PDB file of N, CA and C in Angstrom:
ATOM      1  N   MET A   1     162.643  21.358 -37.398  1.00  0.00           N
ATOM      2  CA  MET A   1     163.542  22.385 -37.884  1.00  0.00           C
ATOM      3  C   MET A   1     164.974  21.868 -37.857  1.00  0.00           C
ATOM      4  N   LEU A   2     165.695  22.286 -38.811  1.00  0.00           N
ATOM      5  CA  LEU A   2     167.082  21.874 -38.913  1.00  0.00           C
ATOM      6  C   LEU A   2     167.889  22.402 -37.733  1.00  0.00           C
ATOM      7  N   GLY A   3     168.653  21.519 -37.083  1.00  0.00           N
ATOM      8  CA  GLY A   3     169.506  21.939 -35.976  1.00  0.00           C
ATOM      9  C   GLY A   3     168.805  22.058 -34.646  1.00  0.00           C
ATOM     10  N   LYS A   4     167.534  21.709 -34.570  1.00  0.00           N
ATOM     11  CA  LYS A   4     166.783  21.851 -33.331  1.00  0.00           C
ATOM     12  C   LYS A   4     166.474  20.503 -32.680  1.00  0.00           C
ATOM     13  N   GLY A   5     167.187  19.445 -33.069  1.00  0.00           N
ATOM     14  CA  GLY A   5     166.963  18.132 -32.497  1.00  0.00           C
ATOM     15  C   GLY A   5     167.552  18.022 -31.098  1.00  0.00           C
ATOM     16  N   ARG A   6     167.329  16.895 -30.459  1.00  0.00           N
ATOM     17  CA  ARG A   6     167.890  16.722 -29.117  1.00  0.00           C
ATOM     18  C   ARG A   6     169.392  16.506 -29.207  1.00  0.00           C
ATOM     19  N   ARG A   7     170.077  16.990 -28.210  1.00  0.00           N
ATOM     20  CA  ARG A   7     171.531  16.870 -28.177  1.00  0.00           C
ATOM     21  C   ARG A   7     171.898  15.499 -27.625  1.00  0.00           C
ATOM     22  N   ARG A   8     172.751  14.798 -28.331  1.00  0.00           N
ATOM     23  CA  ARG A   8     173.190  13.477 -27.882  1.00  0.00           C
ATOM     24  C   ARG A   8     174.387  13.626 -26.953  1.00  0.00           C
ATOM     25  N   GLU A   9     174.412  12.819 -25.931  1.00  0.00           N
ATOM     26  CA  GLU A   9     175.517  12.817 -24.979  1.00  0.00           C
ATOM     27  C   GLU A   9     176.593  11.853 -25.453  1.00  0.00           C
ATOM     28  N   THR A  10     177.839  12.198 -25.208  1.00  0.00           N
ATOM     29  CA  THR A  10     178.934  11.294 -25.546  1.00  0.00           C
ATOM     30  C   THR A  10     179.100  10.262 -24.435  1.00  0.00           C
ATOM     31  N   VAL A  11     179.679   9.138 -24.793  1.00  0.00           N
ATOM     32  CA  VAL A  11     179.999   8.081 -23.826  1.00  0.00           C
ATOM     33  C   VAL A  11     181.482   7.751 -23.979  1.00  0.00           C
ATOM     34  N   PRO A  12     182.127   7.309 -22.904  1.00  0.00           N
ATOM     35  CA  PRO A  12     183.526   6.897 -23.041  1.00  0.00           C
ATOM     36  C   PRO A  12     183.627   5.611 -23.858  1.00  0.00           C
ATOM     37  N   VAL A  13     184.521   5.620 -24.825  1.00  0.00           N
ATOM     38  CA  VAL A  13     184.705   4.483 -25.725  1.00  0.00           C
ATOM     39  C   VAL A  13     186.176   4.097 -25.713  1.00  0.00           C
ATOM     40  N   ARG A  14     186.449   2.798 -25.571  1.00  0.00           N
ATOM     41  CA  ARG A  14     187.830   2.310 -25.610  1.00  0.00           C
ATOM     42  C   ARG A  14     188.203   2.015 -27.056  1.00  0.00           C
ATOM     43  N   LEU A  15     189.262   2.651 -27.515  1.00  0.00           N
ATOM     44  CA  LEU A  15     189.726   2.530 -28.894  1.00  0.00           C
ATOM     45  C   LEU A  15     190.421   1.197 -29.132  1.00  0.00           C
ATOM     46  N   ILE A  16     190.077   0.557 -30.241  1.00  0.00           N
ATOM     47  CA  ILE A  16     190.796  -0.631 -30.705  1.00  0.00           C
ATOM     48  C   ILE A  16     191.447  -0.221 -32.013  1.00  0.00           C
ATOM     49  N   GLY A  17     192.739  -0.057 -31.997  1.00  0.00           N
ATOM     50  CA  GLY A  17     193.472   0.441 -33.153  1.00  0.00           C
ATOM     51  C   GLY A  17     194.225   1.701 -32.782  1.00  0.00           C
ATOM     52  N   GLU A  18     194.643   2.456 -33.770  1.00  0.00           N
ATOM     53  CA  GLU A  18     195.392   3.694 -33.551  1.00  0.00           C
ATOM     54  C   GLU A  18     194.794   4.807 -34.407  1.00  0.00           C
ATOM     55  N   LEU A  19     194.745   6.018 -33.854  1.00  0.00           N
ATOM     56  CA  LEU A  19     194.211   7.180 -34.563  1.00  0.00           C
ATOM     57  C   LEU A  19     195.089   8.392 -34.332  1.00  0.00           C
ATOM     58  N   SER A  20     195.092   9.309 -35.283  1.00  0.00           N
ATOM     59  CA  SER A  20     195.781  10.591 -35.124  1.00  0.00           C
ATOM     60  C   SER A  20     194.766  11.704 -35.301  1.00  0.00           C
ATOM     61  N   SER A  21     194.872  12.732 -34.456  1.00  0.00           N
ATOM     62  CA  SER A  21     193.944  13.854 -34.519  1.00  0.00           C
ATOM     63  C   SER A  21     194.417  14.904 -35.518  1.00  0.00           C
ATOM     64  N   LYS A  22     193.546  15.850 -35.803  1.00  0.00           N
ATOM     65  CA  LYS A  22     193.860  16.972 -36.691  1.00  0.00           C
ATOM     66  C   LYS A  22     194.192  18.179 -35.820  1.00  0.00           C
ATOM     67  N   ALA A  23     195.215  18.916 -36.171  1.00  0.00           N
ATOM     68  CA  ALA A  23     195.695  20.014 -35.340  1.00  0.00           C
ATOM     69  C   ALA A  23     194.665  21.121 -35.152  1.00  0.00           C
ATOM     70  N   GLU A  24     193.935  21.459 -36.198  1.00  0.00           N
ATOM     71  CA  GLU A  24     193.120  22.668 -36.178  1.00  0.00           C
ATOM     72  C   GLU A  24     191.643  22.477 -35.836  1.00  0.00           C
ATOM     73  N   ARG A  25     191.164  21.236 -35.707  1.00  0.00           N
ATOM     74  CA  ARG A  25     189.726  21.053 -35.484  1.00  0.00           C
ATOM     75  C   ARG A  25     189.420  19.714 -34.810  1.00  0.00           C
ATOM     76  N   THR A  26     188.204  19.631 -34.288  1.00  0.00           N
ATOM     77  CA  THR A  26     187.712  18.352 -33.780  1.00  0.00           C
ATOM     78  C   THR A  26     187.535  17.432 -34.974  1.00  0.00           C
ATOM     79  N   TYR A  27     187.971  16.201 -34.831  1.00  0.00           N
ATOM     80  CA  TYR A  27     187.934  15.227 -35.925  1.00  0.00           C
ATOM     81  C   TYR A  27     186.968  14.112 -35.542  1.00  0.00           C
ATOM     82  N   ALA A  28     185.913  13.929 -36.321  1.00  0.00           N
ATOM     83  CA  ALA A  28     184.939  12.863 -36.091  1.00  0.00           C
ATOM     84  C   ALA A  28     185.335  11.661 -36.937  1.00  0.00           C
ATOM     85  N   VAL A  29     185.541  10.526 -36.281  1.00  0.00           N
ATOM     86  CA  VAL A  29     186.011   9.313 -36.937  1.00  0.00           C
ATOM     87  C   VAL A  29     184.880   8.287 -36.986  1.00  0.00           C
ATOM     88  N   LEU A  30     184.562   7.792 -38.186  1.00  0.00           N
ATOM     89  CA  LEU A  30     183.567   6.734 -38.337  1.00  0.00           C
ATOM     90  C   LEU A  30     184.092   5.446 -37.707  1.00  0.00           C
ATOM     91  N   ALA A  31     183.242   4.777 -36.917  1.00  0.00           N
ATOM     92  CA  ALA A  31     183.696   3.568 -36.221  1.00  0.00           C
ATOM     93  C   ALA A  31     182.554   2.584 -36.031  1.00  0.00           C
ATOM     94  N   ARG A  32     182.937   1.333 -35.758  1.00  0.00           N
ATOM     95  CA  ARG A  32     181.990   0.278 -35.367  1.00  0.00           C
ATOM     96  C   ARG A  32     182.188   0.040 -33.881  1.00  0.00           C
ATOM     97  N   ALA A  33     181.141   0.269 -33.110  1.00  0.00           N
ATOM     98  CA  ALA A  33     181.215   0.112 -31.660  1.00  0.00           C
ATOM     99  C   ALA A  33     180.403  -1.098 -31.222  1.00  0.00           C
ATOM    100  N   LYS A  34     180.826  -1.672 -30.091  1.00  0.00           N
ATOM    101  CA  LYS A  34     180.034  -2.745 -29.486  1.00  0.00           C
ATOM    102  C   LYS A  34     180.241  -2.713 -27.979  1.00  0.00           C
ATOM    103  N   LEU A  35     179.233  -3.217 -27.274  1.00  0.00           N
ATOM    104  CA  LEU A  35     179.260  -3.271 -25.822  1.00  0.00           C
ATOM    105  C   LEU A  35     179.618  -4.676 -25.402  1.00  0.00           C
ATOM    106  N   GLY A  36     180.610  -4.782 -24.533  1.00  0.00           N
ATOM    107  CA  GLY A  36     181.021  -6.082 -24.025  1.00  0.00           C
ATOM    108  C   GLY A  36     181.626  -5.930 -22.650  1.00  0.00           C
ATOM    109  N   ALA A  37     181.173  -6.712 -21.705  1.00  0.00           N
ATOM    110  CA  ALA A  37     181.687  -6.690 -20.333  1.00  0.00           C
ATOM    111  C   ALA A  37     181.608  -5.288 -19.724  1.00  0.00           C
ATOM    112  N   GLY A  38     180.523  -4.563 -20.028  1.00  0.00           N
ATOM    113  CA  GLY A  38     180.309  -3.248 -19.445  1.00  0.00           C
ATOM    114  C   GLY A  38     181.145  -2.132 -20.040  1.00  0.00           C
ATOM    115  N   THR A  39     181.879  -2.410 -21.111  1.00  0.00           N
ATOM    116  CA  THR A  39     182.726  -1.411 -21.759  1.00  0.00           C
ATOM    117  C   THR A  39     182.347  -1.290 -23.232  1.00  0.00           C
ATOM    118  N   VAL A  40     182.268  -0.058 -23.707  1.00  0.00           N
ATOM    119  CA  VAL A  40     182.040   0.167 -25.134  1.00  0.00           C
ATOM    120  C   VAL A  40     183.399   0.238 -25.811  1.00  0.00           C
ATOM    121  N   THR A  41     183.597  -0.602 -26.820  1.00  0.00           N
ATOM    122  CA  THR A  41     184.833  -0.575 -27.602  1.00  0.00           C
ATOM    123  C   THR A  41     184.479  -0.178 -29.029  1.00  0.00           C
ATOM    124  N   ALA A  42     185.451   0.412 -29.738  1.00  0.00           N
ATOM    125  CA  ALA A  42     185.186   0.828 -31.116  1.00  0.00           C
ATOM    126  C   ALA A  42     186.413   0.632 -31.985  1.00  0.00           C
ATOM    127  N   VAL A  43     186.151   0.146 -33.180  1.00  0.00           N
ATOM    128  CA  VAL A  43     187.187  -0.023 -34.202  1.00  0.00           C
ATOM    129  C   VAL A  43     186.904   0.997 -35.300  1.00  0.00           C
ATOM    130  N   PRO A  44     187.852   1.910 -35.576  1.00  0.00           N
ATOM    131  CA  PRO A  44     187.641   2.872 -36.651  1.00  0.00           C
ATOM    132  C   PRO A  44     187.536   2.163 -38.005  1.00  0.00           C
ATOM    133  N   LEU A  45     186.660   2.663 -38.873  1.00  0.00           N
ATOM    134  CA  LEU A  45     186.594   2.116 -40.216  1.00  0.00           C
ATOM    135  C   LEU A  45     187.899   2.454 -40.932  1.00  0.00           C
ATOM    136  N   GLU A  46     188.362   1.539 -41.764  1.00  0.00           N
ATOM    137  CA  GLU A  46     189.643   1.742 -42.436  1.00  0.00           C
ATOM    138  C   GLU A  46     189.640   2.959 -43.348  1.00  0.00           C
ATOM    139  N   ASN A  47     188.580   3.155 -44.114  1.00  0.00           N
ATOM    140  CA  ASN A  47     188.538   4.275 -45.043  1.00  0.00           C
ATOM    141  C   ASN A  47     187.596   5.336 -44.506  1.00  0.00           C
ATOM    142  N   GLN A  48     188.115   6.507 -44.177  1.00  0.00           N
ATOM    143  CA  GLN A  48     187.331   7.593 -43.599  1.00  0.00           C
ATOM    144  C   GLN A  48     186.878   8.628 -44.623  1.00  0.00           C
ATOM    145  N   CYS A  49     187.042   8.340 -45.912  1.00  0.00           N
ATOM    146  CA  CYS A  49     186.701   9.287 -46.968  1.00  0.00           C
ATOM    147  C   CYS A  49     185.203   9.607 -46.923  1.00  0.00           C
ATOM    148  N   SER A  50     184.864  10.889 -46.791  1.00  0.00           N
ATOM    149  CA  SER A  50     183.463  11.294 -46.657  1.00  0.00           C
ATOM    150  C   SER A  50     182.643  11.059 -47.922  1.00  0.00           C
ATOM    151  N   SER A  51     183.288  10.846 -49.057  1.00  0.00           N
ATOM    152  CA  SER A  51     182.536  10.615 -50.293  1.00  0.00           C
ATOM    153  C   SER A  51     182.081   9.164 -50.438  1.00  0.00           C
ATOM    154  N   LEU A  52     182.560   8.282 -49.590  1.00  0.00           N
ATOM    155  CA  LEU A  52     182.189   6.865 -49.673  1.00  0.00           C
ATOM    156  C   LEU A  52     180.997   6.589 -48.758  1.00  0.00           C
ATOM    157  N   VAL A  53     179.818   6.898 -49.235  1.00  0.00           N
ATOM    158  CA  VAL A  53     178.612   6.774 -48.433  1.00  0.00           C
ATOM    159  C   VAL A  53     178.368   5.326 -48.012  1.00  0.00           C
ATOM    160  N   ALA A  54     178.624   4.374 -48.884  1.00  0.00           N
ATOM    161  CA  ALA A  54     178.403   2.962 -48.552  1.00  0.00           C
ATOM    162  C   ALA A  54     179.281   2.544 -47.378  1.00  0.00           C
ATOM    163  N   ASN A  55     180.478   3.088 -47.295  1.00  0.00           N
ATOM    164  CA  ASN A  55     181.369   2.777 -46.178  1.00  0.00           C
ATOM    165  C   ASN A  55     180.754   3.254 -44.855  1.00  0.00           C
ATOM    166  N   ALA A  56     180.145   4.416 -44.861  1.00  0.00           N
ATOM    167  CA  ALA A  56     179.531   4.970 -43.653  1.00  0.00           C
ATOM    168  C   ALA A  56     178.332   4.140 -43.187  1.00  0.00           C
ATOM    169  N   ALA A  57     177.757   3.344 -44.082  1.00  0.00           N
ATOM    170  CA  ALA A  57     176.621   2.499 -43.705  1.00  0.00           C
ATOM    171  C   ALA A  57     177.019   1.459 -42.660  1.00  0.00           C
ATOM    172  N   HIS A  58     178.297   1.175 -42.536  1.00  0.00           N
ATOM    173  CA  HIS A  58     178.774   0.202 -41.545  1.00  0.00           C
ATOM    174  C   HIS A  58     179.151   0.856 -40.227  1.00  0.00           C
ATOM    175  N   CYS A  59     178.925   2.135 -40.125  1.00  0.00           N
ATOM    176  CA  CYS A  59     179.287   2.907 -38.940  1.00  0.00           C
ATOM    177  C   CYS A  59     178.105   2.943 -37.969  1.00  0.00           C
ATOM    178  N   ASN A  60     178.368   2.757 -36.688  1.00  0.00           N
ATOM    179  CA  ASN A  60     177.329   2.951 -35.679  1.00  0.00           C
ATOM    180  C   ASN A  60     177.804   3.867 -34.560  1.00  0.00           C
ATOM    181  N   ALA A  61     178.957   4.509 -34.781  1.00  0.00           N
ATOM    182  CA  ALA A  61     179.492   5.439 -33.777  1.00  0.00           C
ATOM    183  C   ALA A  61     180.418   6.442 -34.444  1.00  0.00           C
ATOM    184  N   LEU A  62     180.540   7.587 -33.799  1.00  0.00           N
ATOM    185  CA  LEU A  62     181.535   8.588 -34.184  1.00  0.00           C
ATOM    186  C   LEU A  62     182.454   8.798 -32.991  1.00  0.00           C
ATOM    187  N   LEU A  63     183.744   8.645 -33.203  1.00  0.00           N
ATOM    188  CA  LEU A  63     184.723   8.957 -32.166  1.00  0.00           C
ATOM    189  C   LEU A  63     185.127  10.409 -32.366  1.00  0.00           C
ATOM    190  N   LEU A  64     185.136  11.179 -31.292  1.00  0.00           N
ATOM    191  CA  LEU A  64     185.418  12.609 -31.388  1.00  0.00           C
ATOM    192  C   LEU A  64     186.804  12.902 -30.827  1.00  0.00           C
ATOM    193  N   LEU A  65     187.728  13.208 -31.725  1.00  0.00           N
ATOM    194  CA  LEU A  65     189.098  13.532 -31.328  1.00  0.00           C
ATOM    195  C   LEU A  65     189.217  15.045 -31.210  1.00  0.00           C
ATOM    196  N   PRO A  66     189.627  15.554 -30.044  1.00  0.00           N
ATOM    197  CA  PRO A  66     189.728  17.001 -29.864  1.00  0.00           C
ATOM    198  C   PRO A  66     190.848  17.597 -30.715  1.00  0.00           C
ATOM    199  N   PRO A  67     190.780  18.920 -30.980  1.00  0.00           N
ATOM    200  CA  PRO A  67     191.832  19.576 -31.764  1.00  0.00           C
ATOM    201  C   PRO A  67     193.194  19.402 -31.101  1.00  0.00           C
ATOM    202  N   GLY A  68     194.214  19.385 -31.910  1.00  0.00           N
ATOM    203  CA  GLY A  68     195.576  19.224 -31.413  1.00  0.00           C
ATOM    204  C   GLY A  68     196.199  17.994 -32.038  1.00  0.00           C
ATOM    205  N   THR A  69     197.470  18.074 -32.340  1.00  0.00           N
ATOM    206  CA  THR A  69     198.166  16.951 -32.956  1.00  0.00           C
ATOM    207  C   THR A  69     198.516  15.933 -31.892  1.00  0.00           C
ATOM    208  N   ARG A  70     197.939  14.742 -32.025  1.00  0.00           N
ATOM    209  CA  ARG A  70     198.173  13.677 -31.051  1.00  0.00           C
ATOM    210  C   ARG A  70     197.844  12.341 -31.697  1.00  0.00           C
ATOM    211  N   THR A  71     198.566  11.310 -31.284  1.00  0.00           N
ATOM    212  CA  THR A  71     198.262   9.951 -31.716  1.00  0.00           C
ATOM    213  C   THR A  71     197.658   9.212 -30.532  1.00  0.00           C
ATOM    214  N   TYR A  72     196.534   8.548 -30.768  1.00  0.00           N
ATOM    215  CA  TYR A  72     195.847   7.767 -29.742  1.00  0.00           C
ATOM    216  C   TYR A  72     196.146   6.299 -29.990  1.00  0.00           C
ATOM    217  N   GLU A  73     196.687   5.635 -29.001  1.00  0.00           N
ATOM    218  CA  GLU A  73     197.041   4.222 -29.091  1.00  0.00           C
ATOM    219  C   GLU A  73     195.831   3.349 -28.745  1.00  0.00           C
ATOM    220  N   SER A  74     195.893   2.103 -29.141  1.00  0.00           N
ATOM    221  CA  SER A  74     194.854   1.143 -28.800  1.00  0.00           C
ATOM    222  C   SER A  74     194.687   1.099 -27.275  1.00  0.00           C
ATOM    223  N   GLY A  75     193.442   1.138 -26.820  1.00  0.00           N
ATOM    224  CA  GLY A  75     193.145   1.137 -25.390  1.00  0.00           C
ATOM    225  C   GLY A  75     192.832   2.522 -24.847  1.00  0.00           C
ATOM    226  N   ALA A  76     193.093   3.566 -25.623  1.00  0.00           N
ATOM    227  CA  ALA A  76     192.802   4.933 -25.178  1.00  0.00           C
ATOM    228  C   ALA A  76     191.294   5.119 -25.024  1.00  0.00           C
ATOM    229  N   SER A  77     190.907   5.948 -24.078  1.00  0.00           N
ATOM    230  CA  SER A  77     189.503   6.274 -23.882  1.00  0.00           C
ATOM    231  C   SER A  77     189.198   7.578 -24.620  1.00  0.00           C
ATOM    232  N   LEU A  78     188.188   7.540 -25.482  1.00  0.00           N
ATOM    233  CA  LEU A  78     187.798   8.694 -26.280  1.00  0.00           C
ATOM    234  C   LEU A  78     186.299   8.945 -26.122  1.00  0.00           C
ATOM    235  N   PRO A  79     185.863  10.203 -26.280  1.00  0.00           N
ATOM    236  CA  PRO A  79     184.421  10.445 -26.290  1.00  0.00           C
ATOM    237  C   PRO A  79     183.825   9.932 -27.595  1.00  0.00           C
ATOM    238  N   GLY A  80     182.679   9.297 -27.498  1.00  0.00           N
ATOM    239  CA  GLY A  80     182.031   8.758 -28.684  1.00  0.00           C
ATOM    240  C   GLY A  80     180.547   9.046 -28.696  1.00  0.00           C
ATOM    241  N   LEU A  81     180.004   9.172 -29.878  1.00  0.00           N
ATOM    242  CA  LEU A  81     178.566   9.296 -30.073  1.00  0.00           C
ATOM    243  C   LEU A  81     178.071   7.989 -30.674  1.00  0.00           C
ATOM    244  N   ILE A  82     177.181   7.325 -29.975  1.00  0.00           N
ATOM    245  CA  ILE A  82     176.592   6.099 -30.502  1.00  0.00           C
ATOM    246  C   ILE A  82     175.404   6.539 -31.353  1.00  0.00           C
ATOM    247  N   ILE A  83     175.432   6.197 -32.627  1.00  0.00           N
ATOM    248  CA  ILE A  83     174.406   6.684 -33.545  1.00  0.00           C
ATOM    249  C   ILE A  83     173.465   5.579 -34.018  1.00  0.00           C
ATOM    250  N   GLY A  84     173.536   4.424 -33.399  1.00  0.00           N
ATOM    251  CA  GLY A  84     172.616   3.351 -33.717  1.00  0.00           C
ATOM    252  C   GLY A  84     173.153   2.397 -34.754  1.00  0.00           C
ATOM    253  N   ARG A  85     172.469   1.297 -34.894  1.00  0.00           N
ATOM    254  CA  ARG A  85     172.867   0.296 -35.888  1.00  0.00           C
ATOM    255  C   ARG A  85     172.359   0.708 -37.241  1.00  0.00           C
ATOM    256  N   SER A  86     173.204   0.590 -38.220  1.00  0.00           N
ATOM    257  CA  SER A  86     172.810   0.920 -39.588  1.00  0.00           C
ATOM    258  C   SER A  86     172.072  -0.254 -40.215  1.00  0.00           C
ATOM    259  N   THR A  87     171.377   0.009 -41.296  1.00  0.00           N
ATOM    260  CA  THR A  87     170.672  -1.047 -42.027  1.00  0.00           C
ATOM    261  C   THR A  87     171.658  -2.099 -42.505  1.00  0.00           C
ATOM    262  N   ALA A  88     172.781  -1.670 -43.051  1.00  0.00           N
ATOM    263  CA  ALA A  88     173.774  -2.618 -43.554  1.00  0.00           C
ATOM    264  C   ALA A  88     174.357  -3.449 -42.413  1.00  0.00           C
ATOM    265  N   ALA A  89     174.573  -2.829 -41.272  1.00  0.00           N
ATOM    266  CA  ALA A  89     175.149  -3.551 -40.148  1.00  0.00           C
ATOM    267  C   ALA A  89     174.190  -4.616 -39.621  1.00  0.00           C
ATOM    268  N   LYS A  90     172.893  -4.394 -39.751  1.00  0.00           N
ATOM    269  CA  LYS A  90     171.912  -5.389 -39.303  1.00  0.00           C
ATOM    270  C   LYS A  90     171.959  -6.622 -40.193  1.00  0.00           C
ATOM    271  N   ARG A  91     172.279  -6.410 -41.479  1.00  0.00           N
ATOM    272  CA  ARG A  91     172.317  -7.530 -42.424  1.00  0.00           C
ATOM    273  C   ARG A  91     173.577  -8.360 -42.271  1.00  0.00           C
ATOM    274  N   ARG A  92     174.712  -7.695 -42.088  1.00  0.00           N
ATOM    275  CA  ARG A  92     175.979  -8.417 -41.974  1.00  0.00           C
ATOM    276  C   ARG A  92     177.033  -7.489 -41.394  1.00  0.00           C
ATOM    277  N   GLU A  93     178.055  -8.060 -40.849  1.00  0.00           N
ATOM    278  CA  GLU A  93     179.178  -7.285 -40.326  1.00  0.00           C
ATOM    279  C   GLU A  93     180.030  -6.802 -41.483  1.00  0.00           C
ATOM    280  N   PRO A  94     180.691  -5.639 -41.346  1.00  0.00           N
ATOM    281  CA  PRO A  94     181.537  -5.150 -42.438  1.00  0.00           C
ATOM    282  C   PRO A  94     182.762  -6.038 -42.615  1.00  0.00           C
ATOM    283  N   PRO A  95     183.330  -6.063 -43.807  1.00  0.00           N
ATOM    284  CA  PRO A  95     184.531  -6.877 -44.027  1.00  0.00           C
ATOM    285  C   PRO A  95     185.679  -6.385 -43.167  1.00  0.00           C
ATOM    286  N   ALA A  96     186.531  -7.304 -42.752  1.00  0.00           N
ATOM    287  CA  ALA A  96     187.647  -6.953 -41.874  1.00  0.00           C
ATOM    288  C   ALA A  96     188.740  -6.207 -42.584  1.00  0.00           C
TER     289      ALA A  96
END
């Protein structure tokens, strides 16, 4: 049934780059995450346009920015949902 799946837990993710939140809502940011030295780091995808489905194929995490106007600097800890490796990501890394 739609909406009856298991709830995924967020994990702390260290941001690589800079992000700004949306004032009125939680903002989910497409990102590429990796585990290294016991820390999960994530780089937001450059283009966050929801109509670019191919771009989302390189995403393996969603960074969840809480409501409120704020800029997050590189190194900030954010809640993230690890959504697994995509088919495209298994074939090759996304362009820089």
